[in-house]
Amino acid sequence: MHCNEEGCIKHLLKLWFSTIHLLAFYLQHQIHIINSILKKVKYPKEIQRGQNSITQAIFHYHANEFRAVSSYSLIYIMKGQFINPRYHNHLVMFILFLSFIRQDLVSENDNRIAQILINEFIIYNSKHNYN
């Protein structure tokens, strides 16, 4: 899980906010709006530190904080307003995969669904060169 949270979520944030501005999913020009929305998100009590900015996330978050961002805010912040629906759907696929494998006890059915989701995520990634 650590690799998924800190590795993959961090990598997605870097792609959106630190890449070449010619890419279709580049969001650096929207960072102030996204940060203001991120500051308004109310997290459950077990989340110690609130999320203040995307830049802070990219450079200073730990796996648990990336988990909080992916679980409680990323899908809602990015929905339609900032990224193309196809990139949003790709993100949703990965977040759903994470939610299935984060469970304390993963059933066979949940494992199958998670496998389908991650396979689709990887296939989409390879087709669209979104790495």
Foldseek 3Di string as FASTA:
>chain_A
DQCCQLPVLLVVLCLQDPDPPVDQNHQVVVFVVLQVVQQPFDFDPVDDDGDRGSVCVNPPDGSVVSLRCLQGPDLPSCPPPRHDVVVSVLSVLSSLLCVQVVDPDHDPVSVVSSVVSVVVSVVVCVVVVVD
